[in-house]
Amino acid sequence: MKFSSALKLNHIFRRLYGTPGSTNRFLALYARKNRLEQNRVGITVSKKLGCAVVRNRVRRRLREIYRINEDRFLPGFDIVVVARSRATDASFAELTVAYLSAAEKAGILRPEAQQ
């Protein structure tokens, strides 16, 4: 992640959960402006989704989707992605479409004309 950093502080996660998020069947995405020139991204995967191997695979996939599409995101946001149970069985392509559509609903993607 060249333009972003990891979001690790619990109080920021809790602050973001209070914002209106955009959801679909694979994940929920919460975003809020920060006062930085970069994005901070956090990923949450509950223990209800499966064992550590399954949770880490979902986490790695979501992190990779963001890394590949990082230039499409507007800078200056704190982003939290919460994986839902269907994300464990989803293909990488399905997760990519779900991630980008949730980001578009949240208004954190660049308009297509500027790319």
N, C-alpha and C. Protein backbone atom coordinates (compact mmCIF):
# COMPACT_ATOMS: atom_id res chain seq x y z
N MET A 1 0.85 -1.17 0.00
CA MET A 1 0.00 0.00 0.00
C MET A 1 0.90 1.23 0.00
N LYS A 2 1.06 1.82 -1.16
CA LYS A 2 1.99 2.94 -1.29
C LYS A 2 1.44 4.26 -0.79
N PHE A 3 0.13 4.46 -0.86
CA PHE A 3 -0.45 5.74 -0.44
C PHE A 3 -1.28 5.59 0.83
N SER A 4 -1.19 4.45 1.49
CA SER A 4 -2.05 4.18 2.63
C SER A 4 -1.25 3.56 3.76
N SER A 5 -1.90 3.51 4.91
CA SER A 5 -1.31 2.84 6.05
C SER A 5 -2.40 2.02 6.73
N ALA A 6 -1.97 1.15 7.63
CA ALA A 6 -2.91 0.29 8.33
C ALA A 6 -3.57 1.06 9.47
N LEU A 7 -4.82 0.74 9.70
CA LEU A 7 -5.58 1.33 10.78
C LEU A 7 -5.59 0.32 11.92
N LYS A 8 -5.04 0.69 13.06
CA LYS A 8 -4.88 -0.28 14.14
C LYS A 8 -5.51 0.15 15.47
N LEU A 9 -5.86 1.41 15.61
CA LEU A 9 -6.33 1.91 16.89
C LEU A 9 -7.82 1.62 17.09
N ASN A 10 -8.13 1.03 18.24
CA ASN A 10 -9.49 0.60 18.53
C ASN A 10 -10.48 1.77 18.56
N HIS A 11 -10.07 2.91 19.11
CA HIS A 11 -11.02 4.02 19.21
C HIS A 11 -11.39 4.56 17.83
N ILE A 12 -10.52 4.45 16.85
CA ILE A 12 -10.86 4.88 15.49
C ILE A 12 -11.83 3.88 14.85
N PHE A 13 -11.61 2.59 15.08
CA PHE A 13 -12.56 1.58 14.60
C PHE A 13 -13.95 1.85 15.16
N ARG A 14 -14.03 2.09 16.47
CA ARG A 14 -15.33 2.33 17.09
C ARG A 14 -15.99 3.59 16.56
N ARG A 15 -15.20 4.63 16.30
CA ARG A 15 -15.74 5.87 15.75
C ARG A 15 -16.32 5.62 14.35
N LEU A 16 -15.66 4.80 13.56
CA LEU A 16 -16.13 4.51 12.22
C LEU A 16 -17.38 3.65 12.21
N TYR A 17 -17.52 2.75 13.18
CA TYR A 17 -18.72 1.92 13.24
C TYR A 17 -19.97 2.76 13.47
N GLY A 18 -19.82 3.95 14.01
CA GLY A 18 -20.96 4.84 14.22
C GLY A 18 -21.40 5.59 12.98
N THR A 19 -20.62 5.54 11.92
CA THR A 19 -20.98 6.25 10.69
C THR A 19 -21.87 5.37 9.83
N PRO A 20 -22.67 5.98 8.95
CA PRO A 20 -23.46 5.15 8.04
C PRO A 20 -22.54 4.45 7.06
N GLY A 21 -22.70 3.16 6.95
CA GLY A 21 -21.83 2.39 6.07
C GLY A 21 -22.56 1.94 4.83
N SER A 22 -21.82 1.37 3.92
CA SER A 22 -22.43 0.77 2.74
C SER A 22 -22.17 -0.73 2.81
N THR A 23 -23.21 -1.51 2.56
CA THR A 23 -23.12 -2.95 2.75
C THR A 23 -23.55 -3.68 1.49
N ASN A 24 -23.11 -4.90 1.39
CA ASN A 24 -23.62 -5.84 0.40
C ASN A 24 -23.55 -7.22 1.03
N ARG A 25 -23.75 -8.26 0.26
CA ARG A 25 -23.84 -9.59 0.88
C ARG A 25 -22.50 -10.13 1.34
N PHE A 26 -21.38 -9.57 0.88
CA PHE A 26 -20.07 -10.08 1.25
C PHE A 26 -19.37 -9.25 2.32
N LEU A 27 -19.65 -7.94 2.39
CA LEU A 27 -18.94 -7.11 3.35
C LEU A 27 -19.69 -5.84 3.66
N ALA A 28 -19.25 -5.18 4.71
CA ALA A 28 -19.73 -3.85 5.08
C ALA A 28 -18.53 -2.91 5.08
N LEU A 29 -18.71 -1.72 4.57
CA LEU A 29 -17.60 -0.76 4.48
C LEU A 29 -18.02 0.54 5.14
N TYR A 30 -17.18 1.01 6.05
CA TYR A 30 -17.40 2.28 6.75
C TYR A 30 -16.26 3.22 6.39
N ALA A 31 -16.59 4.45 6.06
CA ALA A 31 -15.55 5.41 5.69
C ALA A 31 -15.85 6.76 6.30
N ARG A 32 -14.78 7.47 6.63
CA ARG A 32 -14.90 8.81 7.21
C ARG A 32 -13.67 9.60 6.84
N LYS A 33 -13.85 10.87 6.58
CA LYS A 33 -12.71 11.74 6.25
C LYS A 33 -11.76 11.82 7.44
N ASN A 34 -10.46 11.82 7.12
CA ASN A 34 -9.46 12.11 8.15
C ASN A 34 -8.72 13.37 7.73
N ARG A 35 -7.87 13.86 8.54
CA ARG A 35 -7.18 15.11 8.22
C ARG A 35 -5.79 14.85 7.65
N LEU A 36 -5.62 13.70 7.06
CA LEU A 36 -4.33 13.31 6.50
C LEU A 36 -4.40 13.30 4.98
N GLU A 37 -3.28 13.18 4.35
CA GLU A 37 -3.22 13.12 2.89
C GLU A 37 -3.23 11.69 2.39
N GLN A 38 -3.41 10.74 3.30
CA GLN A 38 -3.40 9.34 2.92
C GLN A 38 -4.60 8.63 3.53
N ASN A 39 -4.89 7.45 3.00
CA ASN A 39 -5.95 6.63 3.56
C ASN A 39 -5.38 5.72 4.64
N ARG A 40 -6.22 5.41 5.62
CA ARG A 40 -5.88 4.40 6.62
C ARG A 40 -6.95 3.32 6.51
N VAL A 41 -6.51 2.08 6.33
CA VAL A 41 -7.43 0.99 6.06
C VAL A 41 -7.35 -0.05 7.17
N GLY A 42 -8.52 -0.45 7.68
CA GLY A 42 -8.60 -1.51 8.67
C GLY A 42 -9.55 -2.59 8.20
N ILE A 43 -9.23 -3.83 8.50
CA ILE A 43 -10.05 -4.97 8.08
C ILE A 43 -10.44 -5.76 9.32
N THR A 44 -11.73 -6.08 9.44
CA THR A 44 -12.24 -6.84 10.57
C THR A 44 -12.86 -8.13 10.06
N VAL A 45 -12.43 -9.25 10.64
CA VAL A 45 -13.00 -10.56 10.30
C VAL A 45 -13.31 -11.25 11.63
N SER A 46 -14.57 -11.54 11.85
CA SER A 46 -15.02 -12.11 13.11
C SER A 46 -14.63 -13.59 13.25
N LYS A 47 -14.52 -14.05 14.48
CA LYS A 47 -14.23 -15.46 14.73
C LYS A 47 -15.38 -16.36 14.29
N LYS A 48 -16.56 -15.78 14.10
CA LYS A 48 -17.71 -16.56 13.65
C LYS A 48 -17.53 -17.06 12.21
N LEU A 49 -16.62 -16.45 11.46
CA LEU A 49 -16.44 -16.83 10.07
C LEU A 49 -15.69 -18.14 9.90
N GLY A 50 -14.93 -18.54 10.87
CA GLY A 50 -14.22 -19.81 10.74
C GLY A 50 -12.93 -19.80 11.54
N CYS A 51 -12.10 -20.81 11.27
CA CYS A 51 -10.84 -20.92 11.98
C CYS A 51 -9.86 -19.86 11.49
N ALA A 52 -8.70 -19.79 12.10
CA ALA A 52 -7.72 -18.76 11.80
C ALA A 52 -7.28 -18.78 10.33
N VAL A 53 -7.18 -19.97 9.75
CA VAL A 53 -6.77 -20.09 8.35
C VAL A 53 -7.78 -19.40 7.44
N VAL A 54 -9.05 -19.63 7.69
CA VAL A 54 -10.12 -19.04 6.87
C VAL A 54 -10.15 -17.53 7.06
N ARG A 55 -10.06 -17.08 8.30
CA ARG A 55 -10.10 -15.64 8.57
C ARG A 55 -8.92 -14.93 7.93
N ASN A 56 -7.74 -15.51 8.04
CA ASN A 56 -6.56 -14.88 7.45
C ASN A 56 -6.63 -14.85 5.93
N ARG A 57 -7.21 -15.87 5.32
CA ARG A 57 -7.35 -15.87 3.86
C ARG A 57 -8.27 -14.74 3.41
N VAL A 58 -9.38 -14.56 4.11
CA VAL A 58 -10.31 -13.46 3.79
C VAL A 58 -9.60 -12.12 3.99
N ARG A 59 -8.87 -11.98 5.07
CA ARG A 59 -8.15 -10.73 5.35
C ARG A 59 -7.11 -10.44 4.27
N ARG A 60 -6.36 -11.45 3.87
CA ARG A 60 -5.35 -11.27 2.81
C ARG A 60 -5.99 -10.87 1.49
N ARG A 61 -7.11 -11.49 1.15
CA ARG A 61 -7.80 -11.15 -0.10
C ARG A 61 -8.29 -9.71 -0.09
N LEU A 62 -8.90 -9.28 1.02
CA LEU A 62 -9.40 -7.91 1.10
C LEU A 62 -8.25 -6.90 1.05
N ARG A 63 -7.15 -7.21 1.69
CA ARG A 63 -5.99 -6.33 1.65
C ARG A 63 -5.43 -6.24 0.23
N GLU A 64 -5.40 -7.35 -0.49
CA GLU A 64 -4.88 -7.37 -1.86
C GLU A 64 -5.81 -6.61 -2.81
N ILE A 65 -7.10 -6.73 -2.62
CA ILE A 65 -8.05 -5.99 -3.46
C ILE A 65 -7.82 -4.50 -3.30
N TYR A 66 -7.63 -4.06 -2.06
CA TYR A 66 -7.36 -2.63 -1.86
C TYR A 66 -6.03 -2.23 -2.50
N ARG A 67 -5.00 -3.05 -2.34
CA ARG A 67 -3.69 -2.72 -2.88
C ARG A 67 -3.72 -2.59 -4.40
N ILE A 68 -4.43 -3.51 -5.08
CA ILE A 68 -4.51 -3.47 -6.53
C ILE A 68 -5.25 -2.23 -7.02
N ASN A 69 -6.31 -1.85 -6.31
CA ASN A 69 -7.16 -0.74 -6.73
C ASN A 69 -6.90 0.54 -5.95
N GLU A 70 -5.77 0.65 -5.30
CA GLU A 70 -5.48 1.78 -4.41
C GLU A 70 -5.55 3.12 -5.13
N ASP A 71 -5.12 3.18 -6.38
CA ASP A 71 -5.14 4.45 -7.10
C ASP A 71 -6.55 4.91 -7.46
N ARG A 72 -7.55 4.05 -7.34
CA ARG A 72 -8.93 4.42 -7.63
C ARG A 72 -9.61 5.10 -6.45
N PHE A 73 -9.02 5.02 -5.25
CA PHE A 73 -9.63 5.58 -4.05
C PHE A 73 -9.19 7.03 -3.86
N LEU A 74 -10.12 7.86 -3.40
CA LEU A 74 -9.79 9.23 -3.06
C LEU A 74 -8.93 9.24 -1.80
N PRO A 75 -7.95 10.13 -1.70
CA PRO A 75 -7.11 10.18 -0.49
C PRO A 75 -7.82 10.92 0.65
N GLY A 76 -7.37 10.62 1.87
CA GLY A 76 -7.87 11.35 3.03
C GLY A 76 -9.03 10.70 3.75
N PHE A 77 -9.11 9.37 3.73
CA PHE A 77 -10.21 8.68 4.38
C PHE A 77 -9.69 7.60 5.33
N ASP A 78 -10.43 7.39 6.41
CA ASP A 78 -10.27 6.20 7.24
C ASP A 78 -11.31 5.21 6.76
N ILE A 79 -10.89 3.99 6.45
CA ILE A 79 -11.77 2.98 5.88
C ILE A 79 -11.70 1.72 6.73
N VAL A 80 -12.87 1.20 7.11
CA VAL A 80 -12.93 -0.08 7.81
C VAL A 80 -13.81 -1.01 6.99
N VAL A 81 -13.28 -2.20 6.71
CA VAL A 81 -14.01 -3.21 5.95
C VAL A 81 -14.30 -4.36 6.90
N VAL A 82 -15.57 -4.73 7.00
CA VAL A 82 -15.99 -5.83 7.86
C VAL A 82 -16.47 -6.96 6.96
N ALA A 83 -15.80 -8.10 7.05
CA ALA A 83 -16.16 -9.26 6.23
C ALA A 83 -17.40 -9.94 6.82
N ARG A 84 -18.28 -10.37 5.94
CA ARG A 84 -19.45 -11.12 6.35
C ARG A 84 -19.23 -12.60 6.05
N SER A 85 -20.12 -13.44 6.53
CA SER A 85 -19.90 -14.88 6.44
C SER A 85 -19.82 -15.39 5.01
N ARG A 86 -20.50 -14.78 4.08
CA ARG A 86 -20.45 -15.23 2.69
C ARG A 86 -19.11 -14.93 2.03
N ALA A 87 -18.32 -14.07 2.62
CA ALA A 87 -17.01 -13.74 2.05
C ALA A 87 -16.06 -14.91 2.09
N THR A 88 -16.28 -15.87 2.98
CA THR A 88 -15.37 -17.02 3.08
C THR A 88 -15.47 -17.91 1.84
N ASP A 89 -16.65 -18.00 1.24
CA ASP A 89 -16.86 -18.87 0.08
C ASP A 89 -16.79 -18.12 -1.24
N ALA A 90 -16.64 -16.82 -1.21
CA ALA A 90 -16.66 -16.01 -2.43
C ALA A 90 -15.34 -16.11 -3.17
N SER A 91 -15.42 -16.00 -4.49
CA SER A 91 -14.19 -15.97 -5.29
C SER A 91 -13.56 -14.58 -5.19
N PHE A 92 -12.31 -14.50 -5.64
CA PHE A 92 -11.60 -13.22 -5.60
C PHE A 92 -12.31 -12.18 -6.46
N ALA A 93 -12.82 -12.59 -7.62
CA ALA A 93 -13.53 -11.66 -8.51
C ALA A 93 -14.81 -11.14 -7.87
N GLU A 94 -15.56 -12.01 -7.19
CA GLU A 94 -16.78 -11.58 -6.52
C GLU A 94 -16.47 -10.60 -5.40
N LEU A 95 -15.41 -10.89 -4.63
CA LEU A 95 -15.02 -9.96 -3.56
C LEU A 95 -14.57 -8.62 -4.11
N THR A 96 -13.87 -8.64 -5.24
CA THR A 96 -13.42 -7.39 -5.85
C THR A 96 -14.59 -6.52 -6.26
N VAL A 97 -15.57 -7.13 -6.91
CA VAL A 97 -16.77 -6.38 -7.34
C VAL A 97 -17.51 -5.85 -6.11
N ALA A 98 -17.64 -6.67 -5.07
CA ALA A 98 -18.35 -6.25 -3.86
C ALA A 98 -17.62 -5.10 -3.17
N TYR A 99 -16.31 -5.19 -3.07
CA TYR A 99 -15.49 -4.16 -2.42
C TYR A 99 -15.62 -2.84 -3.16
N LEU A 100 -15.47 -2.87 -4.47
CA LEU A 100 -15.52 -1.63 -5.25
C LEU A 100 -16.92 -1.03 -5.30
N SER A 101 -17.95 -1.87 -5.32
CA SER A 101 -19.31 -1.31 -5.31
C SER A 101 -19.64 -0.68 -3.96
N ALA A 102 -19.17 -1.29 -2.87
CA ALA A 102 -19.39 -0.70 -1.55
C ALA A 102 -18.62 0.62 -1.42
N ALA A 103 -17.41 0.66 -1.97
CA ALA A 103 -16.63 1.90 -1.93
C ALA A 103 -17.29 2.99 -2.77
N GLU A 104 -17.88 2.59 -3.88
CA GLU A 104 -18.57 3.58 -4.72
C GLU A 104 -19.80 4.13 -4.01
N LYS A 105 -20.55 3.26 -3.33
CA LYS A 105 -21.72 3.71 -2.55
C LYS A 105 -21.29 4.67 -1.44
N ALA A 106 -20.13 4.41 -0.85
CA ALA A 106 -19.64 5.26 0.23
C ALA A 106 -19.07 6.58 -0.29
N GLY A 107 -18.86 6.68 -1.60
CA GLY A 107 -18.37 7.92 -2.19
C GLY A 107 -16.87 8.13 -2.03
N ILE A 108 -16.10 7.04 -1.96
CA ILE A 108 -14.66 7.19 -1.77
C ILE A 108 -13.86 6.76 -3.00
N LEU A 109 -14.55 6.48 -4.11
CA LEU A 109 -13.85 6.15 -5.35
C LEU A 109 -13.75 7.41 -6.21
N ARG A 110 -12.68 7.48 -6.97
CA ARG A 110 -12.53 8.59 -7.92
C ARG A 110 -13.52 8.41 -9.05
N PRO A 111 -14.01 9.52 -9.62
CA PRO A 111 -14.88 9.39 -10.80
C PRO A 111 -14.10 8.74 -11.95
N GLU A 112 -14.78 7.99 -12.79
CA GLU A 112 -14.14 7.26 -13.87
C GLU A 112 -13.44 8.16 -14.87
N ALA A 113 -13.93 9.37 -15.08
CA ALA A 113 -13.36 10.27 -16.08
C ALA A 113 -11.95 10.74 -15.70
N GLN A 114 -11.63 10.76 -14.42
CA GLN A 114 -10.32 11.26 -13.98
C GLN A 114 -9.24 10.21 -14.03
N GLN A 115 -9.59 8.95 -14.23
CA GLN A 115 -8.57 7.90 -14.18
C GLN A 115 -7.72 7.88 -15.39
